[in-house]
Amino acid sequence: MGYTQATIDRRSATGELSWVIGGRWQGRGYAVEAATAMAEALRDAGVRRLIAHVHPEHVASQRVAAAAGLIATDRSLDGETEWEWTPS
């Protein structure tokens, strides 16, 4: 069906979150559920900054990032917008 994953830099307490959902299962809320659960688990584990890179034309992934609590920044990497969460 798909997966989420995170790369964690323990020195900076930053986690980079990503998700992939197979085409046949898209549009059913699975990516939102999985990414939100992963973001929550990372926060609970002490991550103080989360980032994800989303293509600026991929509206579905933008919605997933927003649901996980991330906000689009003006930074980009390889043509993808960096989304970020930090505690308020």
PDB file of N, CA and C in Angstrom:
ATOM      1  N   MET A   1       0.829  -1.176   0.000  1.00  0.00           N
ATOM      2  CA  MET A   1       0.000   0.000   0.000  1.00  0.00           C
ATOM      3  C   MET A   1       0.878   1.246   0.000  1.00  0.00           C
ATOM      4  N   GLY A   2       1.873   1.304   0.876  1.00  0.00           N
ATOM      5  CA  GLY A   2       2.748   2.461   0.962  1.00  0.00           C
ATOM      6  C   GLY A   2       3.531   2.455   2.251  1.00  0.00           C
ATOM      7  N   TYR A   3       4.221   3.545   2.512  1.00  0.00           N
ATOM      8  CA  TYR A   3       5.028   3.626   3.723  1.00  0.00           C
ATOM      9  C   TYR A   3       5.342   5.082   4.060  1.00  0.00           C
ATOM     10  N   THR A   4       5.749   5.288   5.283  1.00  0.00           N
ATOM     11  CA  THR A   4       6.349   6.553   5.707  1.00  0.00           C
ATOM     12  C   THR A   4       7.744   6.219   6.194  1.00  0.00           C
ATOM     13  N   GLN A   5       8.597   7.206   6.169  1.00  0.00           N
ATOM     14  CA  GLN A   5       9.930   7.013   6.725  1.00  0.00           C
ATOM     15  C   GLN A   5      10.453   8.353   7.202  1.00  0.00           C
ATOM     16  N   ALA A   6      11.443   8.289   8.055  1.00  0.00           N
ATOM     17  CA  ALA A   6      12.059   9.516   8.556  1.00  0.00           C
ATOM     18  C   ALA A   6      13.552   9.285   8.722  1.00  0.00           C
ATOM     19  N   THR A   7      14.301  10.303   8.384  1.00  0.00           N
ATOM     20  CA  THR A   7      15.732  10.338   8.653  1.00  0.00           C
ATOM     21  C   THR A   7      15.919  11.342   9.773  1.00  0.00           C
ATOM     22  N   ILE A   8      16.583  10.920  10.832  1.00  0.00           N
ATOM     23  CA  ILE A   8      16.724  11.776  12.010  1.00  0.00           C
ATOM     24  C   ILE A   8      18.183  12.154  12.205  1.00  0.00           C
ATOM     25  N   ASP A   9      18.411  13.446  12.355  1.00  0.00           N
ATOM     26  CA  ASP A   9      19.728  13.959  12.729  1.00  0.00           C
ATOM     27  C   ASP A   9      19.668  14.230  14.226  1.00  0.00           C
ATOM     28  N   ARG A  10      20.269  13.362  14.999  1.00  0.00           N
ATOM     29  CA  ARG A  10      20.179  13.469  16.459  1.00  0.00           C
ATOM     30  C   ARG A  10      20.866  14.735  16.992  1.00  0.00           C
ATOM     31  N   ARG A  11      21.918  15.192  16.326  1.00  0.00           N
ATOM     32  CA  ARG A  11      22.620  16.395  16.802  1.00  0.00           C
ATOM     33  C   ARG A  11      21.709  17.615  16.783  1.00  0.00           C
ATOM     34  N   SER A  12      20.911  17.746  15.725  1.00  0.00           N
ATOM     35  CA  SER A  12      20.033  18.917  15.622  1.00  0.00           C
ATOM     36  C   SER A  12      18.591  18.605  16.003  1.00  0.00           C
ATOM     37  N   ALA A  13      18.318  17.348  16.353  1.00  0.00           N
ATOM     38  CA  ALA A  13      16.956  16.897  16.695  1.00  0.00           C
ATOM     39  C   ALA A  13      15.975  17.212  15.573  1.00  0.00           C
ATOM     40  N   THR A  14      16.448  17.010  14.321  1.00  0.00           N
ATOM     41  CA  THR A  14      15.635  17.253  13.131  1.00  0.00           C
ATOM     42  C   THR A  14      15.285  15.936  12.466  1.00  0.00           C
ATOM     43  N   GLY A  15      14.021  15.800  12.093  1.00  0.00           N
ATOM     44  CA  GLY A  15      13.579  14.631  11.349  1.00  0.00           C
ATOM     45  C   GLY A  15      13.076  15.042   9.980  1.00  0.00           C
ATOM     46  N   GLU A  16      13.505  14.333   8.958  1.00  0.00           N
ATOM     47  CA  GLU A  16      12.987  14.574   7.612  1.00  0.00           C
ATOM     48  C   GLU A  16      11.993  13.470   7.295  1.00  0.00           C
ATOM     49  N   LEU A  17      10.772  13.867   7.088  1.00  0.00           N
ATOM     50  CA  LEU A  17       9.643  12.958   6.918  1.00  0.00           C
ATOM     51  C   LEU A  17       9.325  12.780   5.442  1.00  0.00           C
ATOM     52  N   SER A  18       8.994  11.552   5.055  1.00  0.00           N
ATOM     53  CA  SER A  18       8.525  11.300   3.694  1.00  0.00           C
ATOM     54  C   SER A  18       7.455  10.219   3.718  1.00  0.00           C
ATOM     55  N   TRP A  19       6.681  10.160   2.640  1.00  0.00           N
ATOM     56  CA  TRP A  19       5.608   9.180   2.534  1.00  0.00           C
ATOM     57  C   TRP A  19       5.416   8.812   1.071  1.00  0.00           C
ATOM     58  N   VAL A  20       4.982   7.586   0.859  1.00  0.00           N
ATOM     59  CA  VAL A  20       4.666   7.087  -0.482  1.00  0.00           C
ATOM     60  C   VAL A  20       3.417   6.228  -0.350  1.00  0.00           C
ATOM     61  N   ILE A  21       2.442   6.482  -1.189  1.00  0.00           N
ATOM     62  CA  ILE A  21       1.217   5.679  -1.222  1.00  0.00           C
ATOM     63  C   ILE A  21       1.001   5.222  -2.657  1.00  0.00           C
ATOM     64  N   GLY A  22       0.773   3.939  -2.839  1.00  0.00           N
ATOM     65  CA  GLY A  22       0.518   3.397  -4.170  1.00  0.00           C
ATOM     66  C   GLY A  22      -0.718   4.031  -4.799  1.00  0.00           C
ATOM     67  N   GLY A  23      -0.671   4.197  -6.105  1.00  0.00           N
ATOM     68  CA  GLY A  23      -1.740   4.873  -6.826  1.00  0.00           C
ATOM     69  C   GLY A  23      -3.124   4.324  -6.543  1.00  0.00           C
ATOM     70  N   ARG A  24      -3.233   3.045  -6.410  1.00  0.00           N
ATOM     71  CA  ARG A  24      -4.533   2.419  -6.185  1.00  0.00           C
ATOM     72  C   ARG A  24      -5.148   2.779  -4.830  1.00  0.00           C
ATOM     73  N   TRP A  25      -4.312   3.229  -3.880  1.00  0.00           N
ATOM     74  CA  TRP A  25      -4.800   3.563  -2.537  1.00  0.00           C
ATOM     75  C   TRP A  25      -4.826   5.069  -2.267  1.00  0.00           C
ATOM     76  N   GLN A  26      -4.457   5.860  -3.253  1.00  0.00           N
ATOM     77  CA  GLN A  26      -4.446   7.310  -3.065  1.00  0.00           C
ATOM     78  C   GLN A  26      -5.866   7.855  -2.956  1.00  0.00           C
ATOM     79  N   GLY A  27      -5.987   8.971  -2.269  1.00  0.00           N
ATOM     80  CA  GLY A  27      -7.280   9.631  -2.142  1.00  0.00           C
ATOM     81  C   GLY A  27      -8.184   9.042  -1.073  1.00  0.00           C
ATOM     82  N   ARG A  28      -7.647   8.182  -0.232  1.00  0.00           N
ATOM     83  CA  ARG A  28      -8.444   7.535   0.816  1.00  0.00           C
ATOM     84  C   ARG A  28      -8.047   7.960   2.222  1.00  0.00           C
ATOM     85  N   GLY A  29      -7.108   8.894   2.316  1.00  0.00           N
ATOM     86  CA  GLY A  29      -6.687   9.388   3.618  1.00  0.00           C
ATOM     87  C   GLY A  29      -5.557   8.600   4.257  1.00  0.00           C
ATOM     88  N   TYR A  30      -5.057   7.577   3.588  1.00  0.00           N
ATOM     89  CA  TYR A  30      -3.992   6.766   4.180  1.00  0.00           C
ATOM     90  C   TYR A  30      -2.702   7.554   4.387  1.00  0.00           C
ATOM     91  N   ALA A  31      -2.341   8.391   3.427  1.00  0.00           N
ATOM     92  CA  ALA A  31      -1.103   9.169   3.563  1.00  0.00           C
ATOM     93  C   ALA A  31      -1.213  10.146   4.730  1.00  0.00           C
ATOM     94  N   VAL A  32      -2.361  10.802   4.860  1.00  0.00           N
ATOM     95  CA  VAL A  32      -2.558  11.726   5.979  1.00  0.00           C
ATOM     96  C   VAL A  32      -2.448  10.979   7.300  1.00  0.00           C
ATOM     97  N   GLU A  33      -3.123   9.856   7.393  1.00  0.00           N
ATOM     98  CA  GLU A  33      -3.089   9.077   8.638  1.00  0.00           C
ATOM     99  C   GLU A  33      -1.672   8.624   8.975  1.00  0.00           C
ATOM    100  N   ALA A  34      -0.965   8.110   7.982  1.00  0.00           N
ATOM    101  CA  ALA A  34       0.384   7.593   8.220  1.00  0.00           C
ATOM    102  C   ALA A  34       1.370   8.713   8.540  1.00  0.00           C
ATOM    103  N   ALA A  35       1.351   9.790   7.773  1.00  0.00           N
ATOM    104  CA  ALA A  35       2.296  10.882   7.998  1.00  0.00           C
ATOM    105  C   ALA A  35       2.024  11.582   9.328  1.00  0.00           C
ATOM    106  N   THR A  36       0.760  11.740   9.673  1.00  0.00           N
ATOM    107  CA  THR A  36       0.407  12.363  10.948  1.00  0.00           C
ATOM    108  C   THR A  36       0.875  11.498  12.116  1.00  0.00           C
ATOM    109  N   ALA A  37       0.674  10.194  12.012  1.00  0.00           N
ATOM    110  CA  ALA A  37       1.123   9.285  13.071  1.00  0.00           C
ATOM    111  C   ALA A  37       2.650   9.295  13.195  1.00  0.00           C
ATOM    112  N   MET A  38       3.347   9.308  12.067  1.00  0.00           N
ATOM    113  CA  MET A  38       4.811   9.340  12.099  1.00  0.00           C
ATOM    114  C   MET A  38       5.291  10.656  12.708  1.00  0.00           C
ATOM    115  N   ALA A  39       4.694  11.777  12.317  1.00  0.00           N
ATOM    116  CA  ALA A  39       5.090  13.078  12.874  1.00  0.00           C
ATOM    117  C   ALA A  39       4.870  13.108  14.383  1.00  0.00           C
ATOM    118  N   GLU A  40       3.753  12.587  14.826  1.00  0.00           N
ATOM    119  CA  GLU A  40       3.466  12.548  16.265  1.00  0.00           C
ATOM    120  C   GLU A  40       4.483  11.679  17.000  1.00  0.00           C
ATOM    121  N   ALA A  41       4.810  10.530  16.448  1.00  0.00           N
ATOM    122  CA  ALA A  41       5.793   9.644  17.074  1.00  0.00           C
ATOM    123  C   ALA A  41       7.165  10.310  17.148  1.00  0.00           C
ATOM    124  N   LEU A  42       7.537  11.033  16.097  1.00  0.00           N
ATOM    125  CA  LEU A  42       8.823  11.727  16.101  1.00  0.00           C
ATOM    126  C   LEU A  42       8.850  12.837  17.148  1.00  0.00           C
ATOM    127  N   ARG A  43       7.767  13.589  17.244  1.00  0.00           N
ATOM    128  CA  ARG A  43       7.692  14.641  18.270  1.00  0.00           C
ATOM    129  C   ARG A  43       7.786  14.033  19.665  1.00  0.00           C
ATOM    130  N   ASP A  44       7.056  12.939  19.876  1.00  0.00           N
ATOM    131  CA  ASP A  44       7.090  12.256  21.170  1.00  0.00           C
ATOM    132  C   ASP A  44       8.485  11.726  21.501  1.00  0.00           C
ATOM    133  N   ALA A  45       9.260  11.411  20.462  1.00  0.00           N
ATOM    134  CA  ALA A  45      10.614  10.886  20.654  1.00  0.00           C
ATOM    135  C   ALA A  45      11.646  11.997  20.832  1.00  0.00           C
ATOM    136  N   GLY A  46      11.200  13.258  20.807  1.00  0.00           N
ATOM    137  CA  GLY A  46      12.110  14.351  21.073  1.00  0.00           C
ATOM    138  C   GLY A  46      12.584  15.146  19.871  1.00  0.00           C
ATOM    139  N   VAL A  47      12.070  14.837  18.685  1.00  0.00           N
ATOM    140  CA  VAL A  47      12.439  15.624  17.514  1.00  0.00           C
ATOM    141  C   VAL A  47      11.873  17.027  17.689  1.00  0.00           C
ATOM    142  N   ARG A  48      12.697  18.040  17.484  1.00  0.00           N
ATOM    143  CA  ARG A  48      12.300  19.435  17.718  1.00  0.00           C
ATOM    144  C   ARG A  48      12.074  20.200  16.412  1.00  0.00           C
ATOM    145  N   ARG A  49      12.355  19.551  15.292  1.00  0.00           N
ATOM    146  CA  ARG A  49      12.119  20.167  13.982  1.00  0.00           C
ATOM    147  C   ARG A  49      11.821  19.044  13.002  1.00  0.00           C
ATOM    148  N   LEU A  50      10.733  19.197  12.259  1.00  0.00           N
ATOM    149  CA  LEU A  50      10.389  18.253  11.205  1.00  0.00           C
ATOM    150  C   LEU A  50      10.404  18.987   9.881  1.00  0.00           C
ATOM    151  N   ILE A  51      10.910  18.319   8.848  1.00  0.00           N
ATOM    152  CA  ILE A  51      10.852  18.883   7.513  1.00  0.00           C
ATOM    153  C   ILE A  51      10.388  17.813   6.529  1.00  0.00           C
ATOM    154  N   ALA A  52       9.834  18.280   5.430  1.00  0.00           N
ATOM    155  CA  ALA A  52       9.485  17.418   4.304  1.00  0.00           C
ATOM    156  C   ALA A  52       9.671  18.257   3.056  1.00  0.00           C
ATOM    157  N   HIS A  53      10.012  17.620   1.962  1.00  0.00           N
ATOM    158  CA  HIS A  53      10.174  18.319   0.688  1.00  0.00           C
ATOM    159  C   HIS A  53       9.066  17.856  -0.250  1.00  0.00           C
ATOM    160  N   VAL A  54       8.305  18.824  -0.753  1.00  0.00           N
ATOM    161  CA  VAL A  54       7.117  18.538  -1.557  1.00  0.00           C
ATOM    162  C   VAL A  54       7.189  19.349  -2.844  1.00  0.00           C
ATOM    163  N   HIS A  55       6.914  18.697  -3.960  1.00  0.00           N
ATOM    164  CA  HIS A  55       6.901  19.403  -5.239  1.00  0.00           C
ATOM    165  C   HIS A  55       5.818  20.476  -5.203  1.00  0.00           C
ATOM    166  N   PRO A  56       6.111  21.672  -5.700  1.00  0.00           N
ATOM    167  CA  PRO A  56       5.151  22.774  -5.604  1.00  0.00           C
ATOM    168  C   PRO A  56       3.839  22.546  -6.362  1.00  0.00           C
ATOM    169  N   GLU A  57       3.790  21.576  -7.253  1.00  0.00           N
ATOM    170  CA  GLU A  57       2.555  21.290  -7.987  1.00  0.00           C
ATOM    171  C   GLU A  57       1.837  20.045  -7.464  1.00  0.00           C
ATOM    172  N   HIS A  58       2.367  19.418  -6.423  1.00  0.00           N
ATOM    173  CA  HIS A  58       1.759  18.186  -5.898  1.00  0.00           C
ATOM    174  C   HIS A  58       0.831  18.537  -4.734  1.00  0.00           C
ATOM    175  N   VAL A  59      -0.393  18.920  -5.086  1.00  0.00           N
ATOM    176  CA  VAL A  59      -1.363  19.412  -4.111  1.00  0.00           C
ATOM    177  C   VAL A  59      -1.685  18.359  -3.054  1.00  0.00           C
ATOM    178  N   ALA A  60      -1.817  17.100  -3.444  1.00  0.00           N
ATOM    179  CA  ALA A  60      -2.151  16.050  -2.475  1.00  0.00           C
ATOM    180  C   ALA A  60      -1.071  15.955  -1.396  1.00  0.00           C
ATOM    181  N   SER A  61       0.190  15.997  -1.788  1.00  0.00           N
ATOM    182  CA  SER A  61       1.272  15.919  -0.799  1.00  0.00           C
ATOM    183  C   SER A  61       1.351  17.189   0.043  1.00  0.00           C
ATOM    184  N   GLN A  62       0.984  18.317  -0.523  1.00  0.00           N
ATOM    185  CA  GLN A  62       0.922  19.545   0.267  1.00  0.00           C
ATOM    186  C   GLN A  62      -0.130  19.399   1.362  1.00  0.00           C
ATOM    187  N   ARG A  63      -1.243  18.776   1.036  1.00  0.00           N
ATOM    188  CA  ARG A  63      -2.293  18.561   2.032  1.00  0.00           C
ATOM    189  C   ARG A  63      -1.830  17.595   3.119  1.00  0.00           C
ATOM    190  N   VAL A  64      -1.077  16.583   2.722  1.00  0.00           N
ATOM    191  CA  VAL A  64      -0.533  15.637   3.707  1.00  0.00           C
ATOM    192  C   VAL A  64       0.422  16.363   4.649  1.00  0.00           C
ATOM    193  N   ALA A  65       1.322  17.157   4.095  1.00  0.00           N
ATOM    194  CA  ALA A  65       2.278  17.898   4.923  1.00  0.00           C
ATOM    195  C   ALA A  65       1.551  18.826   5.896  1.00  0.00           C
ATOM    196  N   ALA A  66       0.548  19.531   5.407  1.00  0.00           N
ATOM    197  CA  ALA A  66      -0.218  20.444   6.268  1.00  0.00           C
ATOM    198  C   ALA A  66      -0.935  19.677   7.371  1.00  0.00           C
ATOM    199  N   ALA A  67      -1.511  18.534   7.033  1.00  0.00           N
ATOM    200  CA  ALA A  67      -2.213  17.730   8.039  1.00  0.00           C
ATOM    201  C   ALA A  67      -1.257  17.242   9.126  1.00  0.00           C
ATOM    202  N   ALA A  68       0.005  17.030   8.757  1.00  0.00           N
ATOM    203  CA  ALA A  68       1.015  16.587   9.725  1.00  0.00           C
ATOM    204  C   ALA A  68       1.578  17.754  10.532  1.00  0.00           C
ATOM    205  N   GLY A  69       1.065  18.964  10.287  1.00  0.00           N
ATOM    206  CA  GLY A  69       1.470  20.117  11.075  1.00  0.00           C
ATOM    207  C   GLY A  69       2.605  20.932  10.488  1.00  0.00           C
ATOM    208  N   LEU A  70       3.008  20.627   9.267  1.00  0.00           N
ATOM    209  CA  LEU A  70       4.103  21.352   8.635  1.00  0.00           C
ATOM    210  C   LEU A  70       3.560  22.548   7.859  1.00  0.00           C
ATOM    211  N   ILE A  71       4.402  23.560   7.695  1.00  0.00           N
ATOM    212  CA  ILE A  71       4.051  24.785   6.982  1.00  0.00           C
ATOM    213  C   ILE A  71       5.078  25.001   5.877  1.00  0.00           C
ATOM    214  N   ALA A  72       4.601  25.393   4.702  1.00  0.00           N
ATOM    215  CA  ALA A  72       5.503  25.664   3.580  1.00  0.00           C
ATOM    216  C   ALA A  72       6.423  26.838   3.914  1.00  0.00           C
ATOM    217  N   THR A  73       7.691  26.706   3.532  1.00  0.00           N
ATOM    218  CA  THR A  73       8.668  27.773   3.725  1.00  0.00           C
ATOM    219  C   THR A  73       9.035  28.341   2.352  1.00  0.00           C
ATOM    220  N   ASP A  74       9.925  29.320   2.345  1.00  0.00           N
ATOM    221  CA  ASP A  74      10.417  29.853   1.073  1.00  0.00           C
ATOM    222  C   ASP A  74      11.700  29.147   0.634  1.00  0.00           C
ATOM    223  N   ARG A  75      12.084  28.084   1.335  1.00  0.00           N
ATOM    224  CA  ARG A  75      13.276  27.316   0.987  1.00  0.00           C
ATOM    225  C   ARG A  75      12.903  26.167   0.051  1.00  0.00           C
ATOM    226  N   SER A  76      13.843  25.802  -0.817  1.00  0.00           N
ATOM    227  CA  SER A  76      13.591  24.668  -1.706  1.00  0.00           C
ATOM    228  C   SER A  76      14.865  23.854  -1.878  1.00  0.00           C
ATOM    229  N   LEU A  77      14.678  22.619  -2.295  1.00  0.00           N
ATOM    230  CA  LEU A  77      15.772  21.697  -2.559  1.00  0.00           C
ATOM    231  C   LEU A  77      15.391  20.875  -3.780  1.00  0.00           C
ATOM    232  N   ASP A  78      16.213  20.921  -4.792  1.00  0.00           N
ATOM    233  CA  ASP A  78      15.959  20.169  -6.027  1.00  0.00           C
ATOM    234  C   ASP A  78      14.559  20.428  -6.578  1.00  0.00           C
ATOM    235  N   GLY A  79      14.119  21.664  -6.517  1.00  0.00           N
ATOM    236  CA  GLY A  79      12.823  22.036  -7.078  1.00  0.00           C
ATOM    237  C   GLY A  79      11.634  21.730  -6.191  1.00  0.00           C
ATOM    238  N   GLU A  80      11.883  21.231  -4.991  1.00  0.00           N
ATOM    239  CA  GLU A  80      10.788  20.934  -4.065  1.00  0.00           C
ATOM    240  C   GLU A  80      10.801  21.925  -2.903  1.00  0.00           C
ATOM    241  N   THR A  81       9.618  22.349  -2.499  1.00  0.00           N
ATOM    242  CA  THR A  81       9.475  23.279  -1.392  1.00  0.00           C
ATOM    243  C   THR A  81       9.718  22.554  -0.076  1.00  0.00           C
ATOM    244  N   GLU A  82      10.469  23.205   0.804  1.00  0.00           N
ATOM    245  CA  GLU A  82      10.673  22.640   2.135  1.00  0.00           C
ATOM    246  C   GLU A  82       9.510  23.058   3.033  1.00  0.00           C
ATOM    247  N   TRP A  83       8.874  22.083   3.638  1.00  0.00           N
ATOM    248  CA  TRP A  83       7.825  22.295   4.635  1.00  0.00           C
ATOM    249  C   TRP A  83       8.453  22.031   5.982  1.00  0.00           C
ATOM    250  N   GLU A  84       8.016  22.746   7.020  1.00  0.00           N
ATOM    251  CA  GLU A  84       8.679  22.656   8.314  1.00  0.00           C
ATOM    252  C   GLU A  84       7.679  22.754   9.464  1.00  0.00           C
ATOM    253  N   TRP A  85       8.006  22.036  10.523  1.00  0.00           N
ATOM    254  CA  TRP A  85       7.311  22.181  11.811  1.00  0.00           C
ATOM    255  C   TRP A  85       8.375  22.385  12.872  1.00  0.00           C
ATOM    256  N   THR A  86       8.146  23.358  13.721  1.00  0.00           N
ATOM    257  CA  THR A  86       8.938  23.530  14.936  1.00  0.00           C
ATOM    258  C   THR A  86       7.947  23.839  16.059  1.00  0.00           C
ATOM    259  N   PRO A  87       8.281  23.487  17.296  1.00  0.00           N
ATOM    260  CA  PRO A  87       7.347  23.760  18.389  1.00  0.00           C
ATOM    261  C   PRO A  87       7.124  25.263  18.551  1.00  0.00           C
ATOM    262  N   SER A  88       5.910  25.625  18.914  1.00  0.00           N
ATOM    263  CA  SER A  88       5.612  27.054  19.083  1.00  0.00           C
ATOM    264  C   SER A  88       5.874  27.501  20.501  1.00  0.00           C
TER     265      SER A  88
END
